[in-house]
Protein backbone atom coordinates (compact mmCIF):
# COMPACT_ATOMS: atom_id res chain seq x y z
CA MET A 1 28.07 25.79 119.41
CA LYS A 2 31.30 23.79 119.10
CA SER A 3 29.33 20.54 119.42
CA ILE A 4 26.88 21.60 116.72
CA SER A 5 29.71 22.69 114.42
CA LYS A 6 31.47 19.40 114.98
CA LEU A 7 28.28 17.46 114.23
CA LEU A 8 27.70 19.42 111.02
CA ALA A 9 31.28 18.89 109.91
CA THR A 10 31.05 15.17 110.65
CA THR A 11 27.76 14.89 108.73
CA ALA A 12 29.17 16.79 105.74
CA PHE A 13 32.28 14.61 105.72
CA ALA A 14 30.13 11.47 105.85
CA SER A 15 28.08 12.68 102.88
CA ILE A 16 31.20 13.46 100.86
CA LEU A 17 32.69 10.09 101.80
CA THR A 18 29.52 8.24 100.75
CA PHE A 19 29.49 10.09 97.42
CA ALA A 20 33.18 9.34 96.86
CA GLN A 21 32.71 5.68 97.75
CA ALA A 22 29.97 5.41 95.13
CA TYR A 23 32.36 6.55 92.43
CA CYS A 24 35.27 4.48 93.72
CA ALA A 25 33.23 1.26 93.67
CA ASP A 26 34.10 -1.54 91.26
CA THR A 27 30.81 -1.10 89.43
CA ILE A 28 28.73 1.78 88.13
CA LYS A 29 25.10 1.54 89.18
CA ILE A 30 22.37 2.75 86.88
CA GLY A 31 18.78 2.80 88.11
CA VAL A 32 16.08 1.83 85.63
CA ALA A 33 12.75 3.10 86.93
CA GLY A 34 9.30 2.43 85.53
CA PRO A 35 6.17 0.30 85.87
CA TYR A 36 7.11 -3.37 86.34
CA THR A 37 3.76 -4.20 87.89
CA GLY A 38 0.26 -2.94 87.15
CA ALA A 39 -1.56 -2.14 83.93
CA ASN A 40 1.50 -0.61 82.25
CA ALA A 41 4.07 -3.23 83.23
CA THR A 42 4.66 -4.19 79.59
CA PHE A 43 6.10 -0.74 78.90
CA GLY A 44 8.46 -0.82 81.87
CA GLN A 45 9.75 -4.27 80.96
CA GLN A 46 10.32 -3.22 77.35
CA VAL A 47 12.46 -0.28 78.48
CA PHE A 48 14.43 -2.51 80.84
CA ASP A 49 14.98 -5.12 78.13
CA GLY A 50 16.42 -2.48 75.83
CA VAL A 51 18.65 -1.04 78.54
CA SER A 52 19.90 -4.46 79.67
CA ALA A 53 20.67 -5.55 76.08
CA TYR A 54 22.92 -2.55 75.51
CA VAL A 55 24.52 -2.68 78.95
CA GLY A 56 25.26 -6.38 78.45
CA ASP A 57 27.18 -5.50 75.31
CA VAL A 58 29.03 -2.66 77.07
CA ASN A 59 30.06 -4.93 79.95
CA ALA A 60 31.22 -7.62 77.53
CA ASN A 61 33.52 -5.03 75.98
CA GLY A 62 35.12 -3.79 79.19
CA GLY A 63 32.43 -1.59 80.72
CA VAL A 64 32.72 2.16 81.30
CA ASN A 65 36.26 3.37 81.94
CA GLY A 66 37.17 -0.08 83.21
CA LYS A 67 34.11 -0.50 85.45
CA LYS A 68 31.19 -2.83 84.79
CA ILE A 69 27.65 -1.49 84.89
CA GLU A 70 25.17 -2.86 87.40
CA LEU A 71 21.48 -2.21 86.69
CA VAL A 72 19.07 -1.59 89.57
CA LYS A 73 15.35 -1.95 88.91
CA GLY A 74 12.84 0.40 90.51
CA ASP A 75 9.13 -0.39 90.18
CA ASP A 76 6.98 2.74 90.44
CA ALA A 77 3.83 1.21 88.84
CA CYS A 78 3.30 4.66 87.22
CA GLU A 79 2.24 5.95 90.66
CA PRO A 80 3.80 9.29 91.76
CA LYS A 81 4.16 8.39 95.46
CA GLN A 82 5.77 5.09 94.60
CA ALA A 83 8.08 6.89 92.15
CA VAL A 84 9.28 9.16 94.94
CA ALA A 85 9.99 6.11 97.12
CA VAL A 86 11.97 4.52 94.27
CA ALA A 87 13.97 7.73 93.76
CA ASN A 88 14.83 7.98 97.45
CA ARG A 89 15.94 4.35 97.47
CA PHE A 90 18.09 4.86 94.38
CA VAL A 91 19.82 7.84 95.99
CA ASP A 92 20.10 6.79 99.64
CA GLN A 93 20.39 3.02 99.48
CA ASP A 94 21.51 1.94 96.01
CA LYS A 95 23.84 4.91 95.41
CA VAL A 96 23.11 4.97 91.68
CA GLN A 97 25.18 7.25 89.47
CA ALA A 98 22.56 7.67 86.77
CA VAL A 99 18.88 6.92 86.19
CA ILE A 100 16.98 5.85 83.09
CA GLY A 101 13.34 6.64 83.82
CA HIS A 102 10.75 7.15 84.90
CA PHE A 103 8.16 6.08 82.32
CA CYS A 104 5.03 8.13 83.12
CA SER A 105 5.34 11.92 83.28
CA SER A 106 3.38 11.92 86.55
CA SER A 107 6.14 9.78 88.06
CA THR A 108 9.09 11.47 86.39
CA ILE A 109 8.20 14.97 87.58
CA PRO A 110 8.25 14.34 91.38
CA ALA A 111 11.07 11.78 91.23
CA SER A 112 13.28 14.13 89.22
CA GLU A 113 13.22 16.64 92.08
CA ILE A 114 15.09 14.09 94.18
CA TYR A 115 17.66 13.27 91.47
CA ASN A 116 18.20 16.97 90.87
CA ASP A 117 18.88 17.61 94.55
CA ALA A 118 21.31 14.67 94.58
CA GLY A 119 23.08 15.76 91.39
CA ILE A 120 22.39 12.50 89.54
CA LEU A 121 22.14 12.29 85.76
CA GLU A 122 18.66 11.28 84.58
CA MET A 123 17.11 10.54 81.19
CA THR A 124 13.48 9.59 80.66
CA PRO A 125 12.70 7.37 77.67
CA SER A 126 8.99 8.23 77.50
CA SER A 127 7.83 11.19 79.62
CA THR A 128 6.54 13.73 77.13
CA ASN A 129 4.92 16.38 79.35
CA PRO A 130 6.67 19.75 78.77
CA THR A 131 7.01 20.36 82.54
CA VAL A 132 9.60 17.58 82.73
CA THR A 133 12.32 19.69 81.12
CA ASP A 134 10.83 23.18 81.44
CA ARG A 135 11.99 23.50 85.07
CA GLY A 136 15.61 24.09 84.09
CA PHE A 137 17.24 21.07 85.75
CA ASP A 138 20.83 20.62 84.54
CA ASN A 139 20.81 16.89 85.29
CA LEU A 140 17.61 15.94 83.43
CA PHE A 141 17.30 14.92 79.79
CA ARG A 142 14.49 13.60 77.68
CA GLY A 143 15.05 10.62 75.37
CA CYS A 144 11.75 11.16 73.52
CA GLY A 145 9.65 14.01 72.11
CA ARG A 146 7.45 16.57 73.90
CA ASP A 147 3.65 16.80 74.08
CA ASP A 148 3.60 20.28 72.59
CA GLN A 149 5.60 19.05 69.59
CA GLN A 150 3.25 16.11 69.22
CA ALA A 151 0.16 18.28 69.67
CA VAL A 152 1.02 20.60 66.79
CA VAL A 153 1.33 17.74 64.32
CA ALA A 154 -1.77 16.05 65.78
CA GLY A 155 -3.93 19.15 65.39
CA SER A 156 -2.80 19.66 61.81
CA PHE A 157 -3.30 15.96 61.02
CA ILE A 158 -6.91 15.95 62.27
CA LEU A 159 -7.88 19.22 60.60
CA ASP A 160 -5.89 19.07 57.36
CA THR A 161 -5.31 15.39 56.59
CA LEU A 162 -8.42 13.76 58.08
CA LYS A 163 -10.58 16.85 57.38
CA ARG A 164 -12.41 16.54 60.73
CA ASP A 165 -13.43 19.65 62.65
CA LYS A 166 -15.84 18.36 65.30
CA ILE A 167 -13.34 17.07 67.78
CA ALA A 168 -14.02 15.44 71.16
CA LEU A 169 -11.02 15.64 73.49
CA ILE A 170 -10.78 12.79 76.02
CA HIS A 171 -7.99 12.42 78.59
CA ASP A 172 -7.19 10.10 81.48
CA LYS A 173 -6.66 12.86 84.11
CA ASP A 174 -2.98 11.89 84.28
CA THR A 175 -0.07 14.25 83.71
CA TYR A 176 0.77 12.62 80.37
CA GLY A 177 -2.76 12.16 79.04
CA GLN A 178 -4.27 15.45 80.13
CA GLY A 179 -1.13 17.36 79.22
CA LEU A 180 -1.25 15.96 75.70
CA VAL A 181 -4.96 16.71 75.27
CA ASP A 182 -4.55 20.24 76.63
CA ALA A 183 -1.77 20.86 74.12
CA VAL A 184 -3.97 19.58 71.28
CA LYS A 185 -6.82 21.79 72.53
CA LYS A 186 -4.54 24.82 72.41
CA THR A 187 -3.41 23.87 68.90
CA ILE A 188 -6.87 23.47 67.37
CA GLU A 189 -8.25 26.54 69.13
CA ALA A 190 -5.43 28.57 67.60
CA ARG A 191 -6.87 27.41 64.27
CA GLY A 192 -10.33 28.66 65.26
CA VAL A 193 -11.79 25.22 66.13
CA LYS A 194 -13.46 24.71 69.49
CA PRO A 195 -13.72 21.12 70.78
CA VAL A 196 -17.27 19.78 70.88
CA LEU A 197 -16.45 17.88 74.08
CA TYR A 198 -13.69 17.94 76.69
CA GLU A 199 -13.92 15.08 79.20
CA GLY A 200 -11.72 13.11 81.56
CA LEU A 201 -11.98 9.43 82.42
CA THR A 202 -10.36 7.66 85.35
CA ARG A 203 -7.40 5.36 84.93
CA GLY A 204 -8.43 1.83 85.81
CA GLU A 205 -11.95 2.24 84.42
CA ARG A 206 -13.13 -0.13 81.71
CA ASP A 207 -16.81 0.76 81.28
CA PHE A 208 -17.08 3.87 79.12
CA ASN A 209 -20.62 3.50 77.82
CA ALA A 210 -21.79 6.75 79.45
CA LEU A 211 -18.81 8.59 77.98
CA VAL A 212 -19.44 7.05 74.56
CA THR A 213 -23.03 8.30 74.73
CA LYS A 214 -21.73 11.82 75.44
CA ILE A 215 -19.35 11.61 72.49
CA LYS A 216 -22.18 10.46 70.22
CA SER A 217 -24.49 13.25 71.45
CA SER A 218 -21.79 15.87 70.88
CA GLY A 219 -21.84 15.25 67.13
CA ALA A 220 -18.10 14.58 67.11
CA ASN A 221 -16.55 13.17 63.95
CA ALA A 222 -13.14 12.75 65.60
CA VAL A 223 -11.91 11.79 69.06
CA TYR A 224 -8.46 12.71 70.30
CA PHE A 225 -7.51 10.51 73.25
CA GLY A 226 -4.72 11.32 75.67
CA GLY A 227 -3.80 8.29 77.73
CA LEU A 228 -2.59 4.72 77.66
CA ILE A 229 -3.78 1.45 76.14
CA PRO A 230 -5.57 -0.05 79.21
CA GLU A 231 -8.19 2.70 78.91
CA GLY A 232 -7.79 3.66 75.26
CA GLY A 233 -8.39 0.14 73.94
CA PRO A 234 -11.75 -0.40 75.70
CA LEU A 235 -12.85 3.11 74.70
CA ILE A 236 -12.23 2.31 71.03
CA ARG A 237 -14.09 -1.01 71.35
CA GLN A 238 -17.12 0.58 73.02
CA LEU A 239 -17.25 3.36 70.42
CA LYS A 240 -17.46 0.67 67.74
CA GLU A 241 -20.03 -1.36 69.69
CA GLN A 242 -22.32 1.67 69.94
CA GLY A 243 -21.88 2.49 66.26
CA VAL A 244 -20.26 5.87 66.81
CA ASP A 245 -18.79 6.91 63.45
CA VAL A 246 -15.60 8.74 64.45
CA VAL A 247 -11.91 8.55 63.77
CA VAL A 248 -9.77 8.10 66.88
CA VAL A 249 -6.36 9.75 67.10
CA SER A 250 -3.88 9.38 69.95
CA GLY A 251 -0.23 9.75 70.88
CA ASP A 252 2.79 7.48 70.89
CA ALA A 253 1.50 5.36 73.79
CA PHE A 254 -0.65 3.55 71.19
CA ALA A 255 2.46 2.27 69.40
CA GLN A 256 2.13 -1.17 71.02
CA ALA A 257 0.83 -4.52 69.79
CA GLU A 258 -1.29 -4.77 72.97
CA LEU A 259 -3.69 -2.21 71.50
CA VAL A 260 -5.11 -4.79 69.06
CA SER A 261 -6.55 -7.08 71.72
CA ALA A 262 -7.45 -4.22 74.08
CA ALA A 263 -9.56 -2.64 71.31
CA GLY A 264 -11.36 -5.90 70.57
CA GLY A 265 -9.45 -6.96 67.45
CA PRO A 266 -7.97 -5.45 64.29
CA ALA A 267 -11.38 -4.70 62.74
CA ASN A 268 -11.94 -2.03 65.39
CA LEU A 269 -8.72 -0.22 64.45
CA LYS A 270 -9.76 0.68 60.91
CA ASN A 271 -10.13 4.40 61.69
CA VAL A 272 -7.59 4.64 64.52
CA TYR A 273 -4.39 6.67 64.16
CA TYR A 274 -1.46 7.51 66.41
CA SER A 275 1.59 9.74 66.24
CA ALA A 276 5.06 8.39 66.91
CA THR A 277 8.65 8.74 65.86
CA PRO A 278 9.46 7.30 62.41
CA ASP A 279 9.86 3.53 62.79
CA PRO A 280 13.50 2.93 63.83
CA LEU A 281 13.27 -0.59 62.40
CA GLU A 282 13.04 0.96 58.91
CA ASP A 283 16.30 2.86 59.42
CA PRO A 284 19.24 0.87 57.95
CA SER A 285 21.59 2.43 60.51
CA THR A 286 19.82 0.52 63.32
CA LYS A 287 20.43 -2.93 61.79
CA GLY A 288 23.28 -3.61 64.21
CA VAL A 289 21.02 -2.78 67.15
CA GLN A 290 18.28 -5.02 65.81
CA ASP A 291 20.72 -7.89 65.33
CA ALA A 292 22.01 -7.46 68.89
CA LEU A 293 18.48 -7.58 70.28
CA LYS A 294 17.56 -10.65 68.26
CA LYS A 295 20.73 -12.35 69.45
CA ALA A 296 19.59 -11.65 73.02
CA ASN A 297 16.11 -13.04 72.16
CA ILE A 298 14.54 -9.62 72.72
CA THR A 299 11.87 -8.45 70.29
CA PRO A 300 12.79 -4.93 69.11
CA ALA A 301 9.45 -3.36 70.11
CA ASN A 302 8.90 0.39 70.44
CA TYR A 303 10.02 1.05 74.02
CA VAL A 304 12.74 -1.60 73.82
CA LEU A 305 14.43 0.64 71.26
CA TYR A 306 13.88 3.73 73.41
CA GLY A 307 15.43 1.93 76.38
CA TYR A 308 18.39 0.88 74.25
CA ALA A 309 18.83 4.42 72.89
CA ASN A 310 18.61 6.04 76.33
CA ALA A 311 21.20 3.60 77.65
CA GLN A 312 23.49 4.50 74.75
CA ALA A 313 23.21 8.18 75.64
CA ILE A 314 23.68 7.68 79.39
CA VAL A 315 26.71 5.44 78.91
CA ALA A 316 28.29 7.94 76.51
CA ALA A 317 27.83 10.67 79.14
CA LEU A 318 29.29 8.48 81.90
CA LYS A 319 32.32 7.74 79.74
CA ALA A 320 32.88 11.48 79.40
CA GLY A 321 33.47 11.83 83.13
CA ASP A 322 32.19 11.40 86.69
CA ASP A 323 31.16 15.03 87.14
CA LEU A 324 27.54 15.93 86.34
CA LYS A 325 28.58 19.17 84.61
CA VAL A 326 30.88 17.21 82.31
CA GLN A 327 28.14 14.68 81.58
CA GLY A 328 25.55 17.37 80.86
CA SER A 329 27.94 19.35 78.67
CA TYR A 330 28.77 16.22 76.71
CA LEU A 331 25.12 15.46 75.93
CA ARG A 332 24.34 19.06 74.98
CA GLY A 333 27.44 19.35 72.83
CA ASN A 334 27.41 16.08 70.92
CA THR A 335 25.26 14.02 68.59
CA ILE A 336 24.97 10.33 69.46
CA ASP A 337 24.11 7.46 67.13
CA THR A 338 21.35 5.50 68.84
CA ALA A 339 18.74 2.81 68.25
CA ILE A 340 16.23 5.52 67.31
CA GLY A 341 18.59 7.54 65.12
CA LYS A 342 21.01 10.40 65.72
CA LEU A 343 20.16 12.35 68.88
CA GLY A 344 21.35 15.71 70.16
CA TRP A 345 20.01 17.79 73.06
CA ASP A 346 19.30 21.47 73.62
CA GLU A 347 19.92 23.52 76.75
CA LYS A 348 16.65 22.35 78.33
CA GLY A 349 17.59 18.70 77.83
CA ASP A 350 15.10 18.11 75.00
CA ILE A 351 15.99 16.29 71.79
CA LYS A 352 16.65 18.72 68.96
CA ASP A 353 14.34 18.46 65.94
CA PHE A 354 12.39 15.45 67.21
CA LYS A 355 10.08 14.24 64.43
CA PHE A 356 6.59 12.72 64.62
CA VAL A 357 4.72 10.85 61.89
CA PHE A 358 1.33 9.10 61.88
CA TYR A 359 0.36 5.45 61.66
CA ASN A 360 -2.90 3.56 61.29
CA PHE A 361 -3.53 -0.19 61.07
CA ASP A 362 -3.94 -2.84 58.37
CA ASP A 363 -6.48 -5.67 58.40
CA LYS A 364 -4.27 -7.73 60.72
CA GLY A 365 -3.68 -4.89 63.20
CA ALA A 366 -0.14 -4.11 62.06
CA PRO A 367 0.87 -0.43 62.00
CA VAL A 368 1.07 1.26 58.62
CA LEU A 369 2.73 4.63 57.98
CA VAL A 370 0.30 7.30 56.79
CA LYS A 371 1.89 8.97 53.77
């Protein structure tokens, strides 16, 4: 028994020492997790570009409480198992003190279990599934909106603004895509409208002709798609090719220039809409952020700004103190000026009063606010 007690004491001391060494190091390590390879690599790189631009400025001005920030990349390719491996590496090997990520909800949910156990501050710039913050983790914050918030405005937009009531619901079987579609389904059914079709496609697929035939046969006059551009773009193109007269509505994942080519050109986006936060580039208060990004030769695209904003929030929390409780209390008790506007968080870690608006596309494929 004495040997076991001694071993346990030694192990506990080693863990405490490792934790203390992480905070006594000359640098503060922040993990930035997301897809840097695979079909969604553009999104991961945009987030990292935004984070690195802000962190570069912070380091140039003395860092955080006298310590420079070191960024550690973690490529999860939007795959849950890979996300768990990244999280374990961040905690056990890299000894990060905070994490910005992951990108996909299906990656964030399992990885966040590991960060929660380790007591590491985490903020996701893009994971919108309600489960992310509904589990009551004190360390986890969301730097974007929620699917159920987005679904309410999407349902009302389709029914009231577009005046479409024969709605086909299509998702990509992923936590983000299916979660968003299920929330829209709940919203329209509460209004007395049953979907004419509810189908899932498989991520990685590109041939949707059979699905398009089903949509056409259903009599749908609107399609709500929950998923990402690699599948959403080809689906739009094939709907047009088969002459299916529907409007297509989706979530904030469509807020990327890549959608134009994926959908077969701007002509195919005439009746395509997506919900997103009001364009931060139109907010005069973000001019300084935009200038900083341009100076760093970084185009201020959608997730670049989310990465920048999440880095601003994480750094502000780290400046408040080393203790997770102090960091969490700071975020829940303060409003922070960021690249996507003023942000404050509730007890769950969700942004208070997050707003969604709708965009469609002009003749050149540029997004246009629907007023």
